[in-house]
PDB file of N, CA and C in Angstrom:
ATOM      1  N   MET A   1      71.066 -45.138-146.606  1.00  0.00           N
ATOM      2  CA  MET A   1      70.763 -44.378-147.602  1.00  0.00           C
ATOM      3  C   MET A   1      69.288 -44.313-147.859  1.00  0.00           C
ATOM      4  N   LYS A   2      68.890 -42.764-148.368  1.00  0.00           N
ATOM      5  CA  LYS A   2      67.809 -42.009-148.768  1.00  0.00           C
ATOM      6  C   LYS A   2      67.704 -42.383-149.930  1.00  0.00           C
ATOM      7  N   LEU A   3      66.494 -43.380-150.704  1.00  0.00           N
ATOM      8  CA  LEU A   3      65.464 -43.236-151.742  1.00  0.00           C
ATOM      9  C   LEU A   3      64.314 -42.662-151.932  1.00  0.00           C
ATOM     10  N   SER A   4      64.282 -42.310-153.186  1.00  0.00           N
ATOM     11  CA  SER A   4      62.974 -41.893-153.734  1.00  0.00           C
ATOM     12  C   SER A   4      61.849 -42.843-153.908  1.00  0.00           C
ATOM     13  N   VAL A   5      60.494 -42.568-153.482  1.00  0.00           N
ATOM     14  CA  VAL A   5      59.979 -43.747-154.283  1.00  0.00           C
ATOM     15  C   VAL A   5      58.403 -43.378-154.650  1.00  0.00           C
ATOM     16  N   ARG A   6      58.038 -44.175-155.549  1.00  0.00           N
ATOM     17  CA  ARG A   6      57.165 -43.471-156.590  1.00  0.00           C
ATOM     18  C   ARG A   6      56.207 -44.596-156.637  1.00  0.00           C
ATOM     19  N   LEU A   7      54.681 -44.767-156.433  1.00  0.00           N
ATOM     20  CA  LEU A   7      53.596 -45.856-156.876  1.00  0.00           C
ATOM     21  C   LEU A   7      52.746 -45.590-157.907  1.00  0.00           C
ATOM     22  N   SER A   8      52.009 -46.373-158.591  1.00  0.00           N
ATOM     23  CA  SER A   8      51.474 -46.286-159.611  1.00  0.00           C
ATOM     24  C   SER A   8      50.080 -46.642-159.169  1.00  0.00           C
ATOM     25  N   THR A   9      48.852 -46.220-159.363  1.00  0.00           N
ATOM     26  CA  THR A   9      47.355 -46.713-159.303  1.00  0.00           C
ATOM     27  C   THR A   9      47.119 -47.576-157.784  1.00  0.00           C
ATOM     28  N   THR A  10      46.657 -48.652-158.064  1.00  0.00           N
ATOM     29  CA  THR A  10      46.609 -49.512-157.288  1.00  0.00           C
ATOM     30  C   THR A  10      47.248 -49.828-156.053  1.00  0.00           C
ATOM     31  N   LEU A  11      48.178 -49.942-156.321  1.00  0.00           N
ATOM     32  CA  LEU A  11      49.561 -49.986-155.160  1.00  0.00           C
ATOM     33  C   LEU A  11      49.452 -48.578-154.088  1.00  0.00           C
ATOM     34  N   ARG A  12      49.196 -47.361-154.878  1.00  0.00           N
ATOM     35  CA  ARG A  12      49.362 -46.247-153.869  1.00  0.00           C
ATOM     36  C   ARG A  12      48.087 -46.603-152.515  1.00  0.00           C
ATOM     37  N   ALA A  13      47.081 -47.249-153.241  1.00  0.00           N
ATOM     38  CA  ALA A  13      45.885 -47.606-151.732  1.00  0.00           C
ATOM     39  C   ALA A  13      46.752 -48.461-150.759  1.00  0.00           C
ATOM     40  N   MET A  14      47.814 -48.934-151.078  1.00  0.00           N
ATOM     41  CA  MET A  14      48.252 -49.723-150.138  1.00  0.00           C
ATOM     42  C   MET A  14      49.319 -49.311-149.414  1.00  0.00           C
ATOM     43  N   VAL A  15      49.704 -48.114-149.391  1.00  0.00           N
ATOM     44  CA  VAL A  15      50.596 -47.424-148.325  1.00  0.00           C
ATOM     45  C   VAL A  15      50.160 -46.716-147.908  1.00  0.00           C
ATOM     46  N   PRO A  16      49.936 -46.462-146.309  1.00  0.00           N
ATOM     47  CA  PRO A  16      48.916 -45.191-145.380  1.00  0.00           C
ATOM     48  C   PRO A  16      49.942 -43.895-145.991  1.00  0.00           C
ATOM     49  N   GLY A  17      49.141 -43.328-146.043  1.00  0.00           N
ATOM     50  CA  GLY A  17      49.356 -41.836-146.405  1.00  0.00           C
ATOM     51  C   GLY A  17      50.526 -41.450-147.391  1.00  0.00           C
ATOM     52  N   TYR A  18      50.071 -42.674-148.396  1.00  0.00           N
ATOM     53  CA  TYR A  18      51.014 -42.121-149.624  1.00  0.00           C
ATOM     54  C   TYR A  18      50.421 -41.051-150.225  1.00  0.00           C
ATOM     55  N   GLN A  19      51.561 -39.988-150.911  1.00  0.00           N
ATOM     56  CA  GLN A  19      50.811 -38.950-151.839  1.00  0.00           C
ATOM     57  C   GLN A  19      51.346 -38.656-152.943  1.00  0.00           C
ATOM     58  N   ALA A  20      50.305 -38.850-153.870  1.00  0.00           N
ATOM     59  CA  ALA A  20      50.588 -39.205-155.563  1.00  0.00           C
ATOM     60  C   ALA A  20      51.404 -37.932-156.213  1.00  0.00           C
ATOM     61  N   ALA A  21      51.305 -36.606-155.390  1.00  0.00           N
ATOM     62  CA  ALA A  21      52.009 -35.944-155.887  1.00  0.00           C
ATOM     63  C   ALA A  21      53.348 -35.579-155.467  1.00  0.00           C
ATOM     64  N   THR A  22      53.852 -36.160-154.613  1.00  0.00           N
ATOM     65  CA  THR A  22      55.037 -36.206-153.610  1.00  0.00           C
ATOM     66  C   THR A  22      55.697 -37.358-153.738  1.00  0.00           C
ATOM     67  N   GLY A  23      55.292 -38.477-153.694  1.00  0.00           N
ATOM     68  CA  GLY A  23      55.731 -39.709-153.659  1.00  0.00           C
ATOM     69  C   GLY A  23      56.322 -39.908-151.886  1.00  0.00           C
ATOM     70  N   LEU A  24      57.375 -40.601-151.799  1.00  0.00           N
ATOM     71  CA  LEU A  24      57.952 -40.838-150.569  1.00  0.00           C
ATOM     72  C   LEU A  24      59.048 -41.114-150.448  1.00  0.00           C
ATOM     73  N   GLU A  25      59.862 -40.493-149.440  1.00  0.00           N
ATOM     74  CA  GLU A  25      60.906 -40.840-148.878  1.00  0.00           C
ATOM     75  C   GLU A  25      61.620 -41.553-148.187  1.00  0.00           C
ATOM     76  N   MET A  26      62.306 -42.716-148.364  1.00  0.00           N
ATOM     77  CA  MET A  26      62.448 -43.686-147.703  1.00  0.00           C
ATOM     78  C   MET A  26      64.206 -43.876-147.221  1.00  0.00           C
ATOM     79  N   GLU A  27      64.166 -44.358-146.007  1.00  0.00           N
ATOM     80  CA  GLU A  27      65.785 -44.856-145.821  1.00  0.00           C
ATOM     81  C   GLU A  27      65.816 -46.336-145.500  1.00  0.00           C
ATOM     82  N   MET A  28      66.866 -46.791-146.238  1.00  0.00           N
ATOM     83  CA  MET A  28      66.903 -47.923-146.129  1.00  0.00           C
ATOM     84  C   MET A  28      68.340 -48.607-145.995  1.00  0.00           C
ATOM     85  N   PRO A  29      68.769 -49.723-145.601  1.00  0.00           N
ATOM     86  CA  PRO A  29      70.083 -49.992-145.234  1.00  0.00           C
ATOM     87  C   PRO A  29      71.129 -50.128-146.628  1.00  0.00           C
ATOM     88  N   ASN A  30      72.163 -50.046-146.466  1.00  0.00           N
ATOM     89  CA  ASN A  30      72.885 -49.940-148.098  1.00  0.00           C
ATOM     90  C   ASN A  30      72.961 -51.670-148.477  1.00  0.00           C
ATOM     91  N   SER A  31      72.678 -52.376-148.237  1.00  0.00           N
ATOM     92  CA  SER A  31      72.571 -53.580-148.887  1.00  0.00           C
ATOM     93  C   SER A  31      71.007 -53.949-149.552  1.00  0.00           C
ATOM     94  N   ALA A  32      70.709 -52.921-149.340  1.00  0.00           N
ATOM     95  CA  ALA A  32      68.878 -53.001-149.772  1.00  0.00           C
ATOM     96  C   ALA A  32      68.017 -53.434-151.219  1.00  0.00           C
ATOM     97  N   THR A  33      67.356 -54.366-151.664  1.00  0.00           N
ATOM     98  CA  THR A  33      67.061 -54.530-152.565  1.00  0.00           C
ATOM     99  C   THR A  33      65.777 -53.844-152.956  1.00  0.00           C
ATOM    100  N   ALA A  34      65.477 -54.042-154.786  1.00  0.00           N
ATOM    101  CA  ALA A  34      63.903 -52.983-154.822  1.00  0.00           C
ATOM    102  C   ALA A  34      62.729 -54.315-153.516  1.00  0.00           C
ATOM    103  N   LYS A  35      63.229 -55.653-153.608  1.00  0.00           N
ATOM    104  CA  LYS A  35      62.127 -56.431-152.814  1.00  0.00           C
ATOM    105  C   LYS A  35      62.174 -56.015-151.442  1.00  0.00           C
ATOM    106  N   ASP A  36      63.370 -55.957-151.220  1.00  0.00           N
ATOM    107  CA  ASP A  36      63.482 -55.155-149.551  1.00  0.00           C
ATOM    108  C   ASP A  36      62.806 -54.023-149.125  1.00  0.00           C
ATOM    109  N   LEU A  37      62.749 -52.877-150.725  1.00  0.00           N
ATOM    110  CA  LEU A  37      61.710 -51.654-150.433  1.00  0.00           C
ATOM    111  C   LEU A  37      60.566 -52.049-150.416  1.00  0.00           C
ATOM    112  N   ALA A  38      59.926 -52.840-151.551  1.00  0.00           N
ATOM    113  CA  ALA A  38      58.684 -53.384-151.775  1.00  0.00           C
ATOM    114  C   ALA A  38      58.290 -53.696-150.438  1.00  0.00           C
ATOM    115  N   GLU A  39      59.117 -55.078-149.793  1.00  0.00           N
ATOM    116  CA  GLU A  39      58.640 -55.430-148.529  1.00  0.00           C
ATOM    117  C   GLU A  39      58.749 -54.694-147.244  1.00  0.00           C
ATOM    118  N   LYS A  40      59.196 -53.274-146.869  1.00  0.00           N
ATOM    119  CA  LYS A  40      59.199 -52.583-146.337  1.00  0.00           C
ATOM    120  C   LYS A  40      58.072 -52.192-146.240  1.00  0.00           C
ATOM    121  N   LEU A  41      57.703 -51.633-147.376  1.00  0.00           N
ATOM    122  CA  LEU A  41      56.517 -50.416-147.576  1.00  0.00           C
ATOM    123  C   LEU A  41      54.803 -51.538-147.718  1.00  0.00           C
ATOM    124  N   GLY A  42      55.027 -52.513-147.477  1.00  0.00           N
ATOM    125  CA  GLY A  42      53.883 -53.544-147.129  1.00  0.00           C
ATOM    126  C   GLY A  42      53.517 -53.781-148.748  1.00  0.00           C
ATOM    127  N   LEU A  43      54.120 -53.735-149.479  1.00  0.00           N
ATOM    128  CA  LEU A  43      53.151 -54.302-151.099  1.00  0.00           C
ATOM    129  C   LEU A  43      53.590 -55.441-151.293  1.00  0.00           C
ATOM    130  N   PRO A  44      52.600 -56.011-152.012  1.00  0.00           N
ATOM    131  CA  PRO A  44      52.414 -57.899-152.255  1.00  0.00           C
ATOM    132  C   PRO A  44      53.337 -57.701-153.325  1.00  0.00           C
ATOM    133  N   LEU A  45      54.297 -58.379-153.634  1.00  0.00           N
ATOM    134  CA  LEU A  45      55.485 -58.586-154.516  1.00  0.00           C
ATOM    135  C   LEU A  45      54.501 -58.982-155.466  1.00  0.00           C
ATOM    136  N   SER A  46      53.433 -60.143-155.692  1.00  0.00           N
ATOM    137  CA  SER A  46      52.599 -60.376-156.340  1.00  0.00           C
ATOM    138  C   SER A  46      52.037 -59.521-157.145  1.00  0.00           C
ATOM    139  N   GLU A  47      51.560 -58.257-156.780  1.00  0.00           N
ATOM    140  CA  GLU A  47      50.739 -57.181-157.247  1.00  0.00           C
ATOM    141  C   GLU A  47      52.335 -56.311-158.283  1.00  0.00           C
ATOM    142  N   ILE A  48      53.267 -56.435-157.915  1.00  0.00           N
ATOM    143  CA  ILE A  48      53.957 -55.611-158.901  1.00  0.00           C
ATOM    144  C   ILE A  48      54.429 -56.292-159.775  1.00  0.00           C
ATOM    145  N   LYS A  49      54.066 -55.678-161.130  1.00  0.00           N
ATOM    146  CA  LYS A  49      54.698 -55.990-162.685  1.00  0.00           C
ATOM    147  C   LYS A  49      56.047 -55.237-163.037  1.00  0.00           C
ATOM    148  N   ILE A  50      56.157 -54.599-163.036  1.00  0.00           N
ATOM    149  CA  ILE A  50      56.971 -53.361-163.266  1.00  0.00           C
ATOM    150  C   ILE A  50      57.611 -52.377-162.402  1.00  0.00           C
ATOM    151  N   VAL A  51      59.023 -52.746-162.443  1.00  0.00           N
ATOM    152  CA  VAL A  51      59.742 -52.130-161.242  1.00  0.00           C
ATOM    153  C   VAL A  51      60.847 -51.144-161.894  1.00  0.00           C
ATOM    154  N   MET A  52      60.754 -49.666-161.568  1.00  0.00           N
ATOM    155  CA  MET A  52      61.700 -48.664-162.502  1.00  0.00           C
ATOM    156  C   MET A  52      62.857 -48.514-161.522  1.00  0.00           C
ATOM    157  N   LEU A  53      64.436 -48.361-161.931  1.00  0.00           N
ATOM    158  CA  LEU A  53      64.997 -47.610-161.392  1.00  0.00           C
ATOM    159  C   LEU A  53      65.778 -46.840-161.763  1.00  0.00           C
ATOM    160  N   ASN A  54      65.796 -45.559-161.691  1.00  0.00           N
ATOM    161  CA  ASN A  54      66.406 -44.047-162.206  1.00  0.00           C
ATOM    162  C   ASN A  54      65.625 -43.804-163.858  1.00  0.00           C
ATOM    163  N   GLY A  55      64.381 -44.731-163.811  1.00  0.00           N
ATOM    164  CA  GLY A  55      63.870 -44.543-165.277  1.00  0.00           C
ATOM    165  C   GLY A  55      64.292 -45.616-165.955  1.00  0.00           C
ATOM    166  N   ARG A  56      65.212 -46.355-165.453  1.00  0.00           N
ATOM    167  CA  ARG A  56      65.114 -47.599-166.118  1.00  0.00           C
ATOM    168  C   ARG A  56      64.509 -49.120-165.606  1.00  0.00           C
ATOM    169  N   ARG A  57      63.936 -49.879-166.370  1.00  0.00           N
ATOM    170  CA  ARG A  57      63.415 -50.941-166.358  1.00  0.00           C
ATOM    171  C   ARG A  57      64.344 -52.056-165.072  1.00  0.00           C
ATOM    172  N   ALA A  58      63.713 -52.466-164.035  1.00  0.00           N
ATOM    173  CA  ALA A  58      65.043 -53.456-163.165  1.00  0.00           C
ATOM    174  C   ALA A  58      64.068 -54.496-162.252  1.00  0.00           C
ATOM    175  N   ASP A  59      64.860 -55.394-161.917  1.00  0.00           N
ATOM    176  CA  ASP A  59      64.496 -56.341-161.280  1.00  0.00           C
ATOM    177  C   ASP A  59      64.067 -56.242-159.868  1.00  0.00           C
ATOM    178  N   LEU A  60      62.908 -56.728-159.407  1.00  0.00           N
ATOM    179  CA  LEU A  60      63.111 -56.957-157.946  1.00  0.00           C
ATOM    180  C   LEU A  60      64.644 -57.258-156.865  1.00  0.00           C
ATOM    181  N   ASP A  61      65.317 -57.997-157.552  1.00  0.00           N
ATOM    182  CA  ASP A  61      66.727 -58.263-157.423  1.00  0.00           C
ATOM    183  C   ASP A  61      67.440 -56.869-157.158  1.00  0.00           C
ATOM    184  N   ALA A  62      67.361 -56.293-158.172  1.00  0.00           N
ATOM    185  CA  ALA A  62      68.073 -55.111-158.164  1.00  0.00           C
ATOM    186  C   ALA A  62      68.920 -54.279-156.904  1.00  0.00           C
ATOM    187  N   ARG A  63      70.079 -54.267-156.669  1.00  0.00           N
ATOM    188  CA  ARG A  63      70.584 -53.602-155.561  1.00  0.00           C
ATOM    189  C   ARG A  63      70.570 -51.735-155.752  1.00  0.00           C
ATOM    190  N   LEU A  64      70.184 -51.223-154.592  1.00  0.00           N
ATOM    191  CA  LEU A  64      69.455 -50.018-154.345  1.00  0.00           C
ATOM    192  C   LEU A  64      70.264 -49.090-154.129  1.00  0.00           C
ATOM    193  N   LYS A  65      70.935 -47.741-154.343  1.00  0.00           N
ATOM    194  CA  LYS A  65      72.067 -46.852-153.861  1.00  0.00           C
ATOM    195  C   LYS A  65      71.564 -45.673-153.765  1.00  0.00           C
ATOM    196  N   ASP A  66      72.305 -45.267-152.409  1.00  0.00           N
ATOM    197  CA  ASP A  66      71.530 -43.761-152.067  1.00  0.00           C
ATOM    198  C   ASP A  66      71.403 -42.781-153.153  1.00  0.00           C
ATOM    199  N   GLY A  67      70.101 -42.056-153.374  1.00  0.00           N
ATOM    200  CA  GLY A  67      69.871 -41.054-153.979  1.00  0.00           C
ATOM    201  C   GLY A  67      68.757 -41.885-155.313  1.00  0.00           C
ATOM    202  N   ASP A  68      68.574 -43.190-154.968  1.00  0.00           N
ATOM    203  CA  ASP A  68      67.924 -43.943-156.363  1.00  0.00           C
ATOM    204  C   ASP A  68      66.641 -43.706-155.690  1.00  0.00           C
ATOM    205  N   ARG A  69      65.963 -43.396-157.402  1.00  0.00           N
ATOM    206  CA  ARG A  69      64.789 -43.270-157.639  1.00  0.00           C
ATOM    207  C   ARG A  69      63.903 -44.635-157.799  1.00  0.00           C
ATOM    208  N   VAL A  70      62.792 -44.745-157.091  1.00  0.00           N
ATOM    209  CA  VAL A  70      62.051 -46.552-157.678  1.00  0.00           C
ATOM    210  C   VAL A  70      60.774 -46.055-157.371  1.00  0.00           C
ATOM    211  N   GLY A  71      60.245 -46.708-158.027  1.00  0.00           N
ATOM    212  CA  GLY A  71      58.778 -46.869-159.265  1.00  0.00           C
ATOM    213  C   GLY A  71      58.470 -48.124-159.057  1.00  0.00           C
ATOM    214  N   TYR A  72      57.225 -48.596-158.863  1.00  0.00           N
ATOM    215  CA  TYR A  72      56.242 -49.920-158.752  1.00  0.00           C
ATOM    216  C   TYR A  72      55.315 -49.576-159.380  1.00  0.00           C
ATOM    217  N   PHE A  73      54.942 -50.450-160.386  1.00  0.00           N
ATOM    218  CA  PHE A  73      53.945 -50.140-161.383  1.00  0.00           C
ATOM    219  C   PHE A  73      52.874 -51.614-161.140  1.00  0.00           C
ATOM    220  N   PRO A  74      51.970 -51.904-160.982  1.00  0.00           N
ATOM    221  CA  PRO A  74      51.191 -53.097-160.940  1.00  0.00           C
ATOM    222  C   PRO A  74      51.011 -53.322-162.594  1.00  0.00           C
ATOM    223  N   ALA A  75      49.893 -54.419-162.966  1.00  0.00           N
ATOM    224  CA  ALA A  75      50.000 -55.292-164.097  1.00  0.00           C
ATOM    225  C   ALA A  75      48.725 -53.895-164.429  1.00  0.00           C
ATOM    226  N   VAL A  76      49.085 -53.198-165.576  1.00  0.00           N
ATOM    227  CA  VAL A  76      48.142 -52.314-166.592  1.00  0.00           C
ATOM    228  C   VAL A  76      47.092 -52.895-167.382  1.00  0.00           C
ATOM    229  N   GLY A  77      45.763 -52.927-167.428  1.00  0.00           N
ATOM    230  CA  GLY A  77      44.744 -53.257-168.835  1.00  0.00           C
ATOM    231  C   GLY A  77      44.466 -51.852-169.439  1.00  0.00           C
ATOM    232  N   GLY A  78      43.853 -52.401-170.219  1.00  0.00           N
ATOM    233  CA  GLY A  78      42.893 -51.353-171.260  1.00  0.00           C
ATOM    234  C   GLY A  78      42.050 -51.869-172.291  1.00  0.00           C
ATOM    235  N   GLY A  79      41.359 -51.341-172.773  1.00  0.00           N
ATOM    236  CA  GLY A  79      40.323 -51.587-173.617  1.00  0.00           C
ATOM    237  C   GLY A  79      40.450 -50.957-175.104  1.00  0.00           C
TER     238      GLY A  79
END
């Protein structure tokens, strides 16, 4: 299945060749979860604080479907 992936801030530097303007198009097996995708990208799971699936918050164990849009976000701080 084909997925569209977007990474936020510090996670972008962890994926070689990631372009913020376009994100990534990935192929994954039909039984894949958001966790499986993060692992394939080489993202440390401990760095992912929010997963967005088609614009809605999801868990790492969420099952993905063909055409899904997946976003990963690290912890954010502010002042």
